[in-house]
Amino acid sequence: MGRRKKGDPVNGWINLDKPEGMTSTQAVGKVRRLLNAQKAGHAGTLDPLASGILPIALGEATKTIPFCQDEMKTYLFTVKWGEQRNTDDREGAVIEQSEKRPARADIEALLPRYTGEITQTPPQFSAIKVDGERAYDRARDGKTTDIKSRTVYVERFELLDTREDEADFRVLCGKGTYIRALARDMGRDLGCFGYVKALRRESVGPFTEKNAISLAKFEEIDHSAALLPVETALDDIPALALSEQEATRLRNGQKLSFISRPDVDRLHQAGIEIEETGICLATYKGKPLALIDVQGVEIKPHRILNV
């Protein structure tokens, strides 16, 4: 007989508006305790100095975390010019200084270079693993880590405002983009150095400020009232409704073959192209049933969602 899990079987998402000064792990732990949930995780770390959208998955929603991590993210941030810091944000020690300050026109002229697919080296103080060690652990010990550059995607990069020593930006970017690295690299290119003074994440895919809840508010209300459906993170993948017989077979780990003309039409109506392969959502009676692998006209269970 298996060990009984501690807590309640809570399934869904909490779109938390994380306050500054709290780690993502601390935020997840707080939400999990308030809901007495058996299982919880988050879909993308926010630094302690950052505030904003931290999607927290509970129970069966944790199976959909990879889809949320792949979503585009929006950040609002302020870069302070004149210094480079070893953490690339305001919490670090100053390692370079400059009296130069960039003109607005110079900043605007630079932004196209940081739009589209760009090459970026993550900060020394990052969660990148090198030889089994986190880069930030090595950095705290005074070690420099040889971190490989990577290709990331920036869809939109806007300059919102400039002041004598700083500038405000909004960026829409893909997975793995470090805002601190953007600030560091822009400062170097402008010849004045720079670091992130303030950072707020405004959205992660379907998780936005409109459907977010602050930790203070979450503590006050009926916690379950803030729970979003498991399928929230799957809003941009096709969903296929199944019959009772099909749902039973899928739950039992059996594959389905959609070879008849009516079945092929069902796939097309769900937005599934049989010429392509990929992960989709299977539903039964309007509820999420499973993540499925679609390979032509064959459907195989990928992850069963027990909700």
C-alpha atoms as a PDB file:
ATOM      1  CA  MET A   1       0.000   0.000   0.000  1.00  0.00           C
ATOM      2  CA  GLY A   2       1.449   3.363  -1.066  1.00  0.00           C
ATOM      3  CA  ARG A   3       2.152   6.159   1.365  1.00  0.00           C
ATOM      4  CA  ARG A   4      -0.668   8.682   1.592  1.00  0.00           C
ATOM      5  CA  LYS A   5       0.331  12.085   0.319  1.00  0.00           C
ATOM      6  CA  LYS A   6       0.202  14.976   2.773  1.00  0.00           C
ATOM      7  CA  GLY A   7      -2.298  17.716   2.019  1.00  0.00           C
ATOM      8  CA  ASP A   8      -5.362  17.982  -0.197  1.00  0.00           C
ATOM      9  CA  PRO A   9      -5.623  17.099  -3.912  1.00  0.00           C
ATOM     10  CA  VAL A  10      -5.833  20.663  -5.233  1.00  0.00           C
ATOM     11  CA  ASN A  11      -5.666  20.976  -9.043  1.00  0.00           C
ATOM     12  CA  GLY A  12      -5.283  24.224 -10.975  1.00  0.00           C
ATOM     13  CA  TRP A  13      -3.245  27.403 -11.235  1.00  0.00           C
ATOM     14  CA  ILE A  14      -2.769  30.440  -9.008  1.00  0.00           C
ATOM     15  CA  ASN A  15      -1.629  33.453 -11.006  1.00  0.00           C
ATOM     16  CA  LEU A  16       0.320  35.144  -8.246  1.00  0.00           C
ATOM     17  CA  ASP A  17       1.495  38.737  -8.412  1.00  0.00           C
ATOM     18  CA  LYS A  18       4.725  38.120  -6.503  1.00  0.00           C
ATOM     19  CA  PRO A  19       5.963  40.950  -4.290  1.00  0.00           C
ATOM     20  CA  GLU A  20       9.571  42.125  -4.219  1.00  0.00           C
ATOM     21  CA  GLY A  21      11.844  40.588  -1.615  1.00  0.00           C
ATOM     22  CA  MET A  22      10.496  37.042  -1.921  1.00  0.00           C
ATOM     23  CA  THR A  23      12.029  34.168  -3.861  1.00  0.00           C
ATOM     24  CA  SER A  24       9.884  32.154  -6.255  1.00  0.00           C
ATOM     25  CA  THR A  25      10.380  29.077  -4.068  1.00  0.00           C
ATOM     26  CA  GLN A  26       9.160  30.966  -1.007  1.00  0.00           C
ATOM     27  CA  ALA A  27       6.095  32.166  -2.924  1.00  0.00           C
ATOM     28  CA  VAL A  28       5.233  28.629  -4.057  1.00  0.00           C
ATOM     29  CA  GLY A  29       5.644  27.339  -0.506  1.00  0.00           C
ATOM     30  CA  LYS A  30       3.373  30.048   0.873  1.00  0.00           C
ATOM     31  CA  VAL A  31       0.598  29.336  -1.656  1.00  0.00           C
ATOM     32  CA  ARG A  32       0.913  25.594  -1.148  1.00  0.00           C
ATOM     33  CA  ARG A  33       0.566  25.946   2.630  1.00  0.00           C
ATOM     34  CA  LEU A  34      -2.434  28.270   2.376  1.00  0.00           C
ATOM     35  CA  LEU A  35      -4.216  25.782   0.115  1.00  0.00           C
ATOM     36  CA  ASN A  36      -2.849  22.730   1.964  1.00  0.00           C
ATOM     37  CA  ALA A  37      -2.047  21.363  -1.500  1.00  0.00           C
ATOM     38  CA  GLN A  38      -0.261  18.061  -2.021  1.00  0.00           C
ATOM     39  CA  LYS A  39       1.881  19.256  -4.905  1.00  0.00           C
ATOM     40  CA  ALA A  40       2.976  22.615  -6.319  1.00  0.00           C
ATOM     41  CA  GLY A  41       5.514  24.163  -8.679  1.00  0.00           C
ATOM     42  CA  HIS A  42       6.067  27.339 -10.665  1.00  0.00           C
ATOM     43  CA  ALA A  43       6.459  28.117 -14.354  1.00  0.00           C
ATOM     44  CA  GLY A  44       9.502  30.385 -14.455  1.00  0.00           C
ATOM     45  CA  THR A  45      11.681  31.857 -11.725  1.00  0.00           C
ATOM     46  CA  LEU A  46      11.456  35.503 -10.737  1.00  0.00           C
ATOM     47  CA  ASP A  47      14.439  37.037  -8.942  1.00  0.00           C
ATOM     48  CA  PRO A  48      13.745  38.258  -5.372  1.00  0.00           C
ATOM     49  CA  LEU A  49      14.091  41.898  -6.458  1.00  0.00           C
ATOM     50  CA  ALA A  50      11.491  41.391  -9.205  1.00  0.00           C
ATOM     51  CA  SER A  51       7.740  41.626  -8.811  1.00  0.00           C
ATOM     52  CA  GLY A  52       4.931  40.428 -11.018  1.00  0.00           C
ATOM     53  CA  ILE A  53       3.430  37.382 -12.630  1.00  0.00           C
ATOM     54  CA  LEU A  54       4.454  34.026 -11.151  1.00  0.00           C
ATOM     55  CA  PRO A  55       2.149  31.228 -12.373  1.00  0.00           C
ATOM     56  CA  ILE A  56       1.949  28.547  -9.674  1.00  0.00           C
ATOM     57  CA  ALA A  57       0.763  25.082 -10.677  1.00  0.00           C
ATOM     58  CA  LEU A  58      -0.995  22.829  -8.207  1.00  0.00           C
ATOM     59  CA  GLY A  59      -1.625  19.099  -8.442  1.00  0.00           C
ATOM     60  CA  GLU A  60      -2.366  17.914 -11.978  1.00  0.00           C
ATOM     61  CA  ALA A  61      -1.568  21.387 -13.347  1.00  0.00           C
ATOM     62  CA  THR A  62       2.118  20.661 -12.687  1.00  0.00           C
ATOM     63  CA  LYS A  63       1.970  18.334 -15.708  1.00  0.00           C
ATOM     64  CA  THR A  64       1.310  21.382 -17.905  1.00  0.00           C
ATOM     65  CA  ILE A  65       4.203  23.507 -16.565  1.00  0.00           C
ATOM     66  CA  PRO A  66       6.409  22.916 -19.665  1.00  0.00           C
ATOM     67  CA  PHE A  67       3.750  24.494 -21.880  1.00  0.00           C
ATOM     68  CA  CYS A  68       3.613  27.571 -19.665  1.00  0.00           C
ATOM     69  CA  GLN A  69       7.413  27.876 -19.576  1.00  0.00           C
ATOM     70  CA  ASP A  70       7.469  28.014 -23.376  1.00  0.00           C
ATOM     71  CA  GLU A  71       5.048  30.970 -23.496  1.00  0.00           C
ATOM     72  CA  MET A  72       6.087  34.523 -24.398  1.00  0.00           C
ATOM     73  CA  LYS A  73       6.694  36.829 -21.443  1.00  0.00           C
ATOM     74  CA  THR A  74       6.370  40.596 -21.008  1.00  0.00           C
ATOM     75  CA  TYR A  75       8.691  42.557 -18.711  1.00  0.00           C
ATOM     76  CA  LEU A  76       8.752  46.184 -17.601  1.00  0.00           C
ATOM     77  CA  PHE A  77      12.166  47.239 -16.333  1.00  0.00           C
ATOM     78  CA  THR A  78      14.420  50.164 -15.523  1.00  0.00           C
ATOM     79  CA  VAL A  79      18.113  50.277 -16.436  1.00  0.00           C
ATOM     80  CA  LYS A  80      20.451  52.453 -14.388  1.00  0.00           C
ATOM     81  CA  TRP A  81      23.374  53.777 -16.456  1.00  0.00           C
ATOM     82  CA  GLY A  82      26.919  54.473 -15.283  1.00  0.00           C
ATOM     83  CA  GLU A  83      27.724  51.227 -13.474  1.00  0.00           C
ATOM     84  CA  GLN A  84      28.080  47.531 -14.109  1.00  0.00           C
ATOM     85  CA  ARG A  85      27.471  45.220 -11.162  1.00  0.00           C
ATOM     86  CA  ASN A  86      28.523  41.622 -10.719  1.00  0.00           C
ATOM     87  CA  THR A  87      24.900  40.453 -10.443  1.00  0.00           C
ATOM     88  CA  ASP A  88      23.756  42.738 -13.311  1.00  0.00           C
ATOM     89  CA  ASP A  89      21.128  44.184 -10.958  1.00  0.00           C
ATOM     90  CA  ARG A  90      21.003  46.629  -8.057  1.00  0.00           C
ATOM     91  CA  GLU A  91      21.887  43.998  -5.454  1.00  0.00           C
ATOM     92  CA  GLY A  92      25.416  43.407  -6.712  1.00  0.00           C
ATOM     93  CA  ALA A  93      28.813  44.970  -6.169  1.00  0.00           C
ATOM     94  CA  VAL A  94      30.047  47.655  -8.579  1.00  0.00           C
ATOM     95  CA  ILE A  95      32.721  46.302 -10.949  1.00  0.00           C
ATOM     96  CA  GLU A  96      32.809  49.019 -13.656  1.00  0.00           C
ATOM     97  CA  GLN A  97      31.928  52.720 -13.757  1.00  0.00           C
ATOM     98  CA  SER A  98      31.517  55.427 -16.392  1.00  0.00           C
ATOM     99  CA  GLU A  99      30.676  59.123 -16.484  1.00  0.00           C
ATOM    100  CA  LYS A 100      29.097  58.755 -19.925  1.00  0.00           C
ATOM    101  CA  ARG A 101      25.300  58.802 -20.300  1.00  0.00           C
ATOM    102  CA  PRO A 102      23.472  57.720 -23.477  1.00  0.00           C
ATOM    103  CA  ALA A 103      21.224  60.032 -25.475  1.00  0.00           C
ATOM    104  CA  ARG A 104      17.690  58.838 -26.217  1.00  0.00           C
ATOM    105  CA  ALA A 105      18.487  58.633 -29.926  1.00  0.00           C
ATOM    106  CA  ASP A 106      21.459  56.364 -29.219  1.00  0.00           C
ATOM    107  CA  ILE A 107      19.309  54.014 -27.147  1.00  0.00           C
ATOM    108  CA  GLU A 108      16.595  53.890 -29.811  1.00  0.00           C
ATOM    109  CA  ALA A 109      19.156  53.192 -32.526  1.00  0.00           C
ATOM    110  CA  LEU A 110      20.476  50.231 -30.507  1.00  0.00           C
ATOM    111  CA  LEU A 111      17.161  48.436 -29.935  1.00  0.00           C
ATOM    112  CA  PRO A 112      16.887  46.757 -33.386  1.00  0.00           C
ATOM    113  CA  ARG A 113      20.122  44.920 -32.545  1.00  0.00           C
ATOM    114  CA  TYR A 114      18.289  43.357 -29.592  1.00  0.00           C
ATOM    115  CA  THR A 115      15.161  42.375 -31.499  1.00  0.00           C
ATOM    116  CA  GLY A 116      14.505  39.025 -33.167  1.00  0.00           C
ATOM    117  CA  GLU A 117      16.842  36.091 -32.556  1.00  0.00           C
ATOM    118  CA  ILE A 118      19.825  37.341 -30.573  1.00  0.00           C
ATOM    119  CA  THR A 119      22.853  35.761 -28.919  1.00  0.00           C
ATOM    120  CA  GLN A 120      23.018  36.252 -25.166  1.00  0.00           C
ATOM    121  CA  THR A 121      25.289  35.049 -22.369  1.00  0.00           C
ATOM    122  CA  PRO A 122      23.419  34.469 -19.083  1.00  0.00           C
ATOM    123  CA  PRO A 123      24.662  36.392 -16.012  1.00  0.00           C
ATOM    124  CA  GLN A 124      27.281  34.919 -13.697  1.00  0.00           C
ATOM    125  CA  PHE A 125      24.617  35.025 -10.979  1.00  0.00           C
ATOM    126  CA  SER A 126      22.133  32.718 -12.720  1.00  0.00           C
ATOM    127  CA  ALA A 127      20.695  29.242 -12.224  1.00  0.00           C
ATOM    128  CA  ILE A 128      22.672  27.827 -15.153  1.00  0.00           C
ATOM    129  CA  LYS A 129      24.341  24.545 -14.210  1.00  0.00           C
ATOM    130  CA  VAL A 130      28.011  24.037 -15.052  1.00  0.00           C
ATOM    131  CA  ASP A 131      29.651  20.736 -14.045  1.00  0.00           C
ATOM    132  CA  GLY A 132      26.749  20.054 -11.696  1.00  0.00           C
ATOM    133  CA  GLU A 133      27.017  23.416  -9.904  1.00  0.00           C
ATOM    134  CA  ARG A 134      24.708  26.413 -10.160  1.00  0.00           C
ATOM    135  CA  ALA A 135      26.502  29.427 -11.584  1.00  0.00           C
ATOM    136  CA  TYR A 136      25.249  31.644  -8.739  1.00  0.00           C
ATOM    137  CA  ASP A 137      26.741  29.307  -6.139  1.00  0.00           C
ATOM    138  CA  ARG A 138      30.126  29.523  -7.868  1.00  0.00           C
ATOM    139  CA  ALA A 139      29.794  33.304  -8.173  1.00  0.00           C
ATOM    140  CA  ARG A 140      29.067  33.647  -4.445  1.00  0.00           C
ATOM    141  CA  ASP A 141      32.297  31.745  -3.801  1.00  0.00           C
ATOM    142  CA  GLY A 142      34.176  34.257  -5.954  1.00  0.00           C
ATOM    143  CA  LYS A 143      34.552  31.925  -8.933  1.00  0.00           C
ATOM    144  CA  THR A 144      34.029  32.949 -12.555  1.00  0.00           C
ATOM    145  CA  THR A 145      32.063  30.466 -14.637  1.00  0.00           C
ATOM    146  CA  ASP A 146      32.515  29.935 -18.360  1.00  0.00           C
ATOM    147  CA  ILE A 147      28.862  30.175 -19.374  1.00  0.00           C
ATOM    148  CA  LYS A 148      28.086  29.430 -23.010  1.00  0.00           C
ATOM    149  CA  SER A 149      26.101  31.973 -24.986  1.00  0.00           C
ATOM    150  CA  ARG A 150      22.673  30.974 -26.282  1.00  0.00           C
ATOM    151  CA  THR A 151      20.159  32.111 -28.849  1.00  0.00           C
ATOM    152  CA  VAL A 152      17.015  33.718 -27.432  1.00  0.00           C
ATOM    153  CA  TYR A 153      14.097  35.483 -29.067  1.00  0.00           C
ATOM    154  CA  VAL A 154      12.907  39.050 -28.470  1.00  0.00           C
ATOM    155  CA  GLU A 155       9.725  39.895 -30.321  1.00  0.00           C
ATOM    156  CA  ARG A 156       9.328  43.499 -29.214  1.00  0.00           C
ATOM    157  CA  PHE A 157      11.628  45.929 -27.392  1.00  0.00           C
ATOM    158  CA  GLU A 158      10.261  49.377 -26.498  1.00  0.00           C
ATOM    159  CA  LEU A 159      11.932  52.390 -24.927  1.00  0.00           C
ATOM    160  CA  LEU A 160       9.262  53.995 -22.722  1.00  0.00           C
ATOM    161  CA  ASP A 161      11.054  56.862 -20.996  1.00  0.00           C
ATOM    162  CA  THR A 162      14.502  58.271 -20.362  1.00  0.00           C
ATOM    163  CA  ARG A 163      15.982  60.290 -17.527  1.00  0.00           C
ATOM    164  CA  GLU A 164      19.513  61.521 -16.891  1.00  0.00           C
ATOM    165  CA  ASP A 165      20.813  58.316 -15.338  1.00  0.00           C
ATOM    166  CA  GLU A 166      18.219  55.697 -16.322  1.00  0.00           C
ATOM    167  CA  ALA A 167      15.669  54.492 -18.846  1.00  0.00           C
ATOM    168  CA  ASP A 168      12.461  52.450 -18.770  1.00  0.00           C
ATOM    169  CA  PHE A 169      11.765  49.610 -21.192  1.00  0.00           C
ATOM    170  CA  ARG A 170       9.134  47.020 -22.009  1.00  0.00           C
ATOM    171  CA  VAL A 171      10.143  43.795 -23.714  1.00  0.00           C
ATOM    172  CA  LEU A 172       8.184  40.826 -25.073  1.00  0.00           C
ATOM    173  CA  CYS A 173      10.497  37.827 -25.207  1.00  0.00           C
ATOM    174  CA  GLY A 174      10.718  34.061 -25.365  1.00  0.00           C
ATOM    175  CA  LYS A 175      11.955  31.352 -23.038  1.00  0.00           C
ATOM    176  CA  GLY A 176      15.423  31.712 -21.528  1.00  0.00           C
ATOM    177  CA  THR A 177      15.849  35.454 -22.078  1.00  0.00           C
ATOM    178  CA  TYR A 178      17.655  37.196 -19.200  1.00  0.00           C
ATOM    179  CA  ILE A 179      16.568  40.804 -18.710  1.00  0.00           C
ATOM    180  CA  ARG A 180      19.665  41.437 -16.596  1.00  0.00           C
ATOM    181  CA  ALA A 181      21.809  40.350 -19.550  1.00  0.00           C
ATOM    182  CA  LEU A 182      19.947  42.766 -21.838  1.00  0.00           C
ATOM    183  CA  ALA A 183      20.712  45.632 -19.463  1.00  0.00           C
ATOM    184  CA  ARG A 184      24.358  44.600 -19.109  1.00  0.00           C
ATOM    185  CA  ASP A 185      24.910  44.227 -22.865  1.00  0.00           C
ATOM    186  CA  MET A 186      23.126  47.463 -23.761  1.00  0.00           C
ATOM    187  CA  GLY A 187      25.258  49.330 -21.247  1.00  0.00           C
ATOM    188  CA  ARG A 188      28.423  47.917 -22.785  1.00  0.00           C
ATOM    189  CA  ASP A 189      27.298  48.710 -26.349  1.00  0.00           C
ATOM    190  CA  LEU A 190      26.428  52.274 -25.337  1.00  0.00           C
ATOM    191  CA  GLY A 191      29.814  52.670 -23.627  1.00  0.00           C
ATOM    192  CA  CYS A 192      28.326  53.649 -20.293  1.00  0.00           C
ATOM    193  CA  PHE A 193      27.585  50.340 -18.505  1.00  0.00           C
ATOM    194  CA  GLY A 194      24.206  49.515 -17.001  1.00  0.00           C
ATOM    195  CA  TYR A 195      22.281  47.243 -14.643  1.00  0.00           C
ATOM    196  CA  VAL A 196      18.649  46.438 -13.817  1.00  0.00           C
ATOM    197  CA  LYS A 197      17.372  48.795 -11.154  1.00  0.00           C
ATOM    198  CA  ALA A 198      13.750  47.598 -11.167  1.00  0.00           C
ATOM    199  CA  LEU A 199      11.993  44.654 -12.831  1.00  0.00           C
ATOM    200  CA  ARG A 200       8.380  43.578 -13.147  1.00  0.00           C
ATOM    201  CA  ARG A 201       6.972  40.671 -15.141  1.00  0.00           C
ATOM    202  CA  GLU A 202       3.634  41.694 -16.616  1.00  0.00           C
ATOM    203  CA  SER A 203       2.589  38.468 -18.326  1.00  0.00           C
ATOM    204  CA  VAL A 204       3.431  34.830 -19.007  1.00  0.00           C
ATOM    205  CA  GLY A 205       1.289  33.675 -21.929  1.00  0.00           C
ATOM    206  CA  PRO A 206      -2.347  33.662 -20.727  1.00  0.00           C
ATOM    207  CA  PHE A 207      -1.328  34.676 -17.198  1.00  0.00           C
ATOM    208  CA  THR A 208      -1.568  38.467 -17.072  1.00  0.00           C
ATOM    209  CA  GLU A 209      -2.044  41.265 -14.563  1.00  0.00           C
ATOM    210  CA  LYS A 210      -5.788  41.147 -15.304  1.00  0.00           C
ATOM    211  CA  ASN A 211      -6.216  37.658 -13.817  1.00  0.00           C
ATOM    212  CA  ALA A 212      -3.465  37.922 -11.191  1.00  0.00           C
ATOM    213  CA  ILE A 213      -3.878  38.120  -7.436  1.00  0.00           C
ATOM    214  CA  SER A 214      -1.520  39.654  -4.904  1.00  0.00           C
ATOM    215  CA  LEU A 215      -0.257  37.556  -2.023  1.00  0.00           C
ATOM    216  CA  ALA A 216      -1.910  39.908   0.473  1.00  0.00           C
ATOM    217  CA  LYS A 217      -5.281  39.564  -1.274  1.00  0.00           C
ATOM    218  CA  PHE A 218      -4.868  35.803  -1.619  1.00  0.00           C
ATOM    219  CA  GLU A 219      -4.358  35.498   2.140  1.00  0.00           C
ATOM    220  CA  GLU A 220      -7.614  37.397   2.778  1.00  0.00           C
ATOM    221  CA  ILE A 221     -10.083  35.609   0.483  1.00  0.00           C
ATOM    222  CA  ASP A 222     -11.364  32.059   0.056  1.00  0.00           C
ATOM    223  CA  HIS A 223      -8.175  30.660  -1.465  1.00  0.00           C
ATOM    224  CA  SER A 224      -9.954  28.280  -3.841  1.00  0.00           C
ATOM    225  CA  ALA A 225     -11.785  31.247  -5.418  1.00  0.00           C
ATOM    226  CA  ALA A 226      -8.498  32.318  -7.019  1.00  0.00           C
ATOM    227  CA  LEU A 227      -7.870  28.898  -8.555  1.00  0.00           C
ATOM    228  CA  LEU A 228      -7.690  28.874 -12.369  1.00  0.00           C
ATOM    229  CA  PRO A 229      -8.414  25.686 -14.392  1.00  0.00           C
ATOM    230  CA  VAL A 230      -5.693  23.139 -15.145  1.00  0.00           C
ATOM    231  CA  GLU A 231      -6.061  23.834 -18.871  1.00  0.00           C
ATOM    232  CA  THR A 232      -5.294  27.567 -18.489  1.00  0.00           C
ATOM    233  CA  ALA A 233      -1.709  26.984 -19.630  1.00  0.00           C
ATOM    234  CA  LEU A 234      -2.955  25.075 -22.682  1.00  0.00           C
ATOM    235  CA  ASP A 235      -5.043  27.807 -24.273  1.00  0.00           C
ATOM    236  CA  ASP A 236      -2.997  27.886 -27.474  1.00  0.00           C
ATOM    237  CA  ILE A 237      -2.957  24.163 -28.284  1.00  0.00           C
ATOM    238  CA  PRO A 238      -5.802  22.301 -30.061  1.00  0.00           C
ATOM    239  CA  ALA A 239      -8.383  20.515 -27.902  1.00  0.00           C
ATOM    240  CA  LEU A 240     -10.146  17.354 -29.063  1.00  0.00           C
ATOM    241  CA  ALA A 241     -13.409  16.253 -27.437  1.00  0.00           C
ATOM    242  CA  LEU A 242     -13.691  12.487 -26.934  1.00  0.00           C
ATOM    243  CA  SER A 243     -16.580  10.099 -26.499  1.00  0.00           C
ATOM    244  CA  GLU A 244     -16.969   8.010 -23.341  1.00  0.00           C
ATOM    245  CA  GLN A 245     -15.540   4.920 -25.049  1.00  0.00           C
ATOM    246  CA  GLU A 246     -12.562   6.872 -26.444  1.00  0.00           C
ATOM    247  CA  ALA A 247     -11.910   8.474 -23.056  1.00  0.00           C
ATOM    248  CA  THR A 248     -11.911   5.081 -21.330  1.00  0.00           C
ATOM    249  CA  ARG A 249      -9.449   3.620 -23.822  1.00  0.00           C
ATOM    250  CA  LEU A 250      -7.153   6.613 -23.483  1.00  0.00           C
ATOM    251  CA  ARG A 251      -7.221   6.406 -19.671  1.00  0.00           C
ATOM    252  CA  ASN A 252      -6.197   2.776 -19.970  1.00  0.00           C
ATOM    253  CA  GLY A 253      -3.150   3.737 -22.004  1.00  0.00           C
ATOM    254  CA  GLN A 254      -4.545   2.582 -25.346  1.00  0.00           C
ATOM    255  CA  LYS A 255      -4.060   4.488 -28.579  1.00  0.00           C
ATOM    256  CA  LEU A 256      -6.905   5.738 -30.757  1.00  0.00           C
ATOM    257  CA  SER A 257      -7.031   5.608 -34.553  1.00  0.00           C
ATOM    258  CA  PHE A 258      -9.001   8.338 -36.309  1.00  0.00           C
ATOM    259  CA  ILE A 259      -9.100   6.799 -39.780  1.00  0.00           C
ATOM    260  CA  SER A 260     -12.746   7.234 -40.833  1.00  0.00           C
ATOM    261  CA  ARG A 261     -13.846  10.342 -42.703  1.00  0.00           C
ATOM    262  CA  PRO A 262     -16.001  11.596 -39.773  1.00  0.00           C
ATOM    263  CA  ASP A 263     -13.074  11.101 -37.382  1.00  0.00           C
ATOM    264  CA  VAL A 264     -10.668  12.956 -39.687  1.00  0.00           C
ATOM    265  CA  ASP A 265     -13.235  15.759 -39.900  1.00  0.00           C
ATOM    266  CA  ARG A 266     -13.274  15.882 -36.075  1.00  0.00           C
ATOM    267  CA  LEU A 267      -9.518  16.365 -36.051  1.00  0.00           C
ATOM    268  CA  HIS A 268      -9.742  19.178 -38.573  1.00  0.00           C
ATOM    269  CA  GLN A 269     -12.575  20.862 -36.650  1.00  0.00           C
ATOM    270  CA  ALA A 270     -10.411  20.761 -33.512  1.00  0.00           C
ATOM    271  CA  GLY A 271      -7.601  22.489 -35.402  1.00  0.00           C
ATOM    272  CA  ILE A 272      -5.447  19.358 -35.633  1.00  0.00           C
ATOM    273  CA  GLU A 273      -3.644  18.794 -38.914  1.00  0.00           C
ATOM    274  CA  ILE A 274      -2.989  15.102 -39.584  1.00  0.00           C
ATOM    275  CA  GLU A 275       0.065  15.998 -41.675  1.00  0.00           C
ATOM    276  CA  GLU A 276       1.729  17.331 -38.536  1.00  0.00           C
ATOM    277  CA  THR A 277       2.685  15.806 -35.194  1.00  0.00           C
ATOM    278  CA  GLY A 278       2.551  17.363 -31.774  1.00  0.00           C
ATOM    279  CA  ILE A 279       0.977  17.566 -28.338  1.00  0.00           C
ATOM    280  CA  CYS A 280      -2.739  18.385 -28.038  1.00  0.00           C
ATOM    281  CA  LEU A 281      -5.359  18.324 -25.296  1.00  0.00           C
ATOM    282  CA  ALA A 282      -8.054  15.650 -25.072  1.00  0.00           C
ATOM    283  CA  THR A 283     -11.242  16.539 -23.212  1.00  0.00           C
ATOM    284  CA  TYR A 284     -14.262  14.582 -21.991  1.00  0.00           C
ATOM    285  CA  LYS A 285     -17.531  16.290 -21.080  1.00  0.00           C
ATOM    286  CA  GLY A 286     -15.780  19.646 -21.222  1.00  0.00           C
ATOM    287  CA  LYS A 287     -13.039  18.709 -18.749  1.00  0.00           C
ATOM    288  CA  PRO A 288      -9.348  18.104 -19.532  1.00  0.00           C
ATOM    289  CA  LEU A 289      -8.640  14.385 -19.790  1.00  0.00           C
ATOM    290  CA  ALA A 290      -5.089  14.040 -21.087  1.00  0.00           C
ATOM    291  CA  LEU A 291      -2.244  15.515 -23.027  1.00  0.00           C
ATOM    292  CA  ILE A 292      -2.045  13.457 -26.204  1.00  0.00           C
ATOM    293  CA  ASP A 293       0.549  12.754 -28.881  1.00  0.00           C
ATOM    294  CA  VAL A 294      -1.000  13.185 -32.318  1.00  0.00           C
ATOM    295  CA  GLN A 295       0.883  11.357 -35.056  1.00  0.00           C
ATOM    296  CA  GLY A 296      -1.132  11.512 -38.254  1.00  0.00           C
ATOM    297  CA  VAL A 297      -4.430   9.746 -37.538  1.00  0.00           C
ATOM    298  CA  GLU A 298      -3.069   8.007 -34.427  1.00  0.00           C
ATOM    299  CA  ILE A 299      -3.522   9.431 -30.952  1.00  0.00           C
ATOM    300  CA  LYS A 300      -1.533   8.187 -27.971  1.00  0.00           C
ATOM    301  CA  PRO A 301      -1.777   9.265 -24.318  1.00  0.00           C
ATOM    302  CA  HIS A 302       1.133  11.511 -23.299  1.00  0.00           C
ATOM    303  CA  ARG A 303       0.086  12.500 -19.747  1.00  0.00           C
ATOM    304  CA  ILE A 304      -3.250  11.598 -18.173  1.00  0.00           C
ATOM    305  CA  LEU A 305      -4.800  14.488 -16.211  1.00  0.00           C
ATOM    306  CA  ASN A 306      -6.681  13.156 -13.191  1.00  0.00           C
ATOM    307  CA  VAL A 307      -9.077  16.037 -12.568  1.00  0.00           C
END
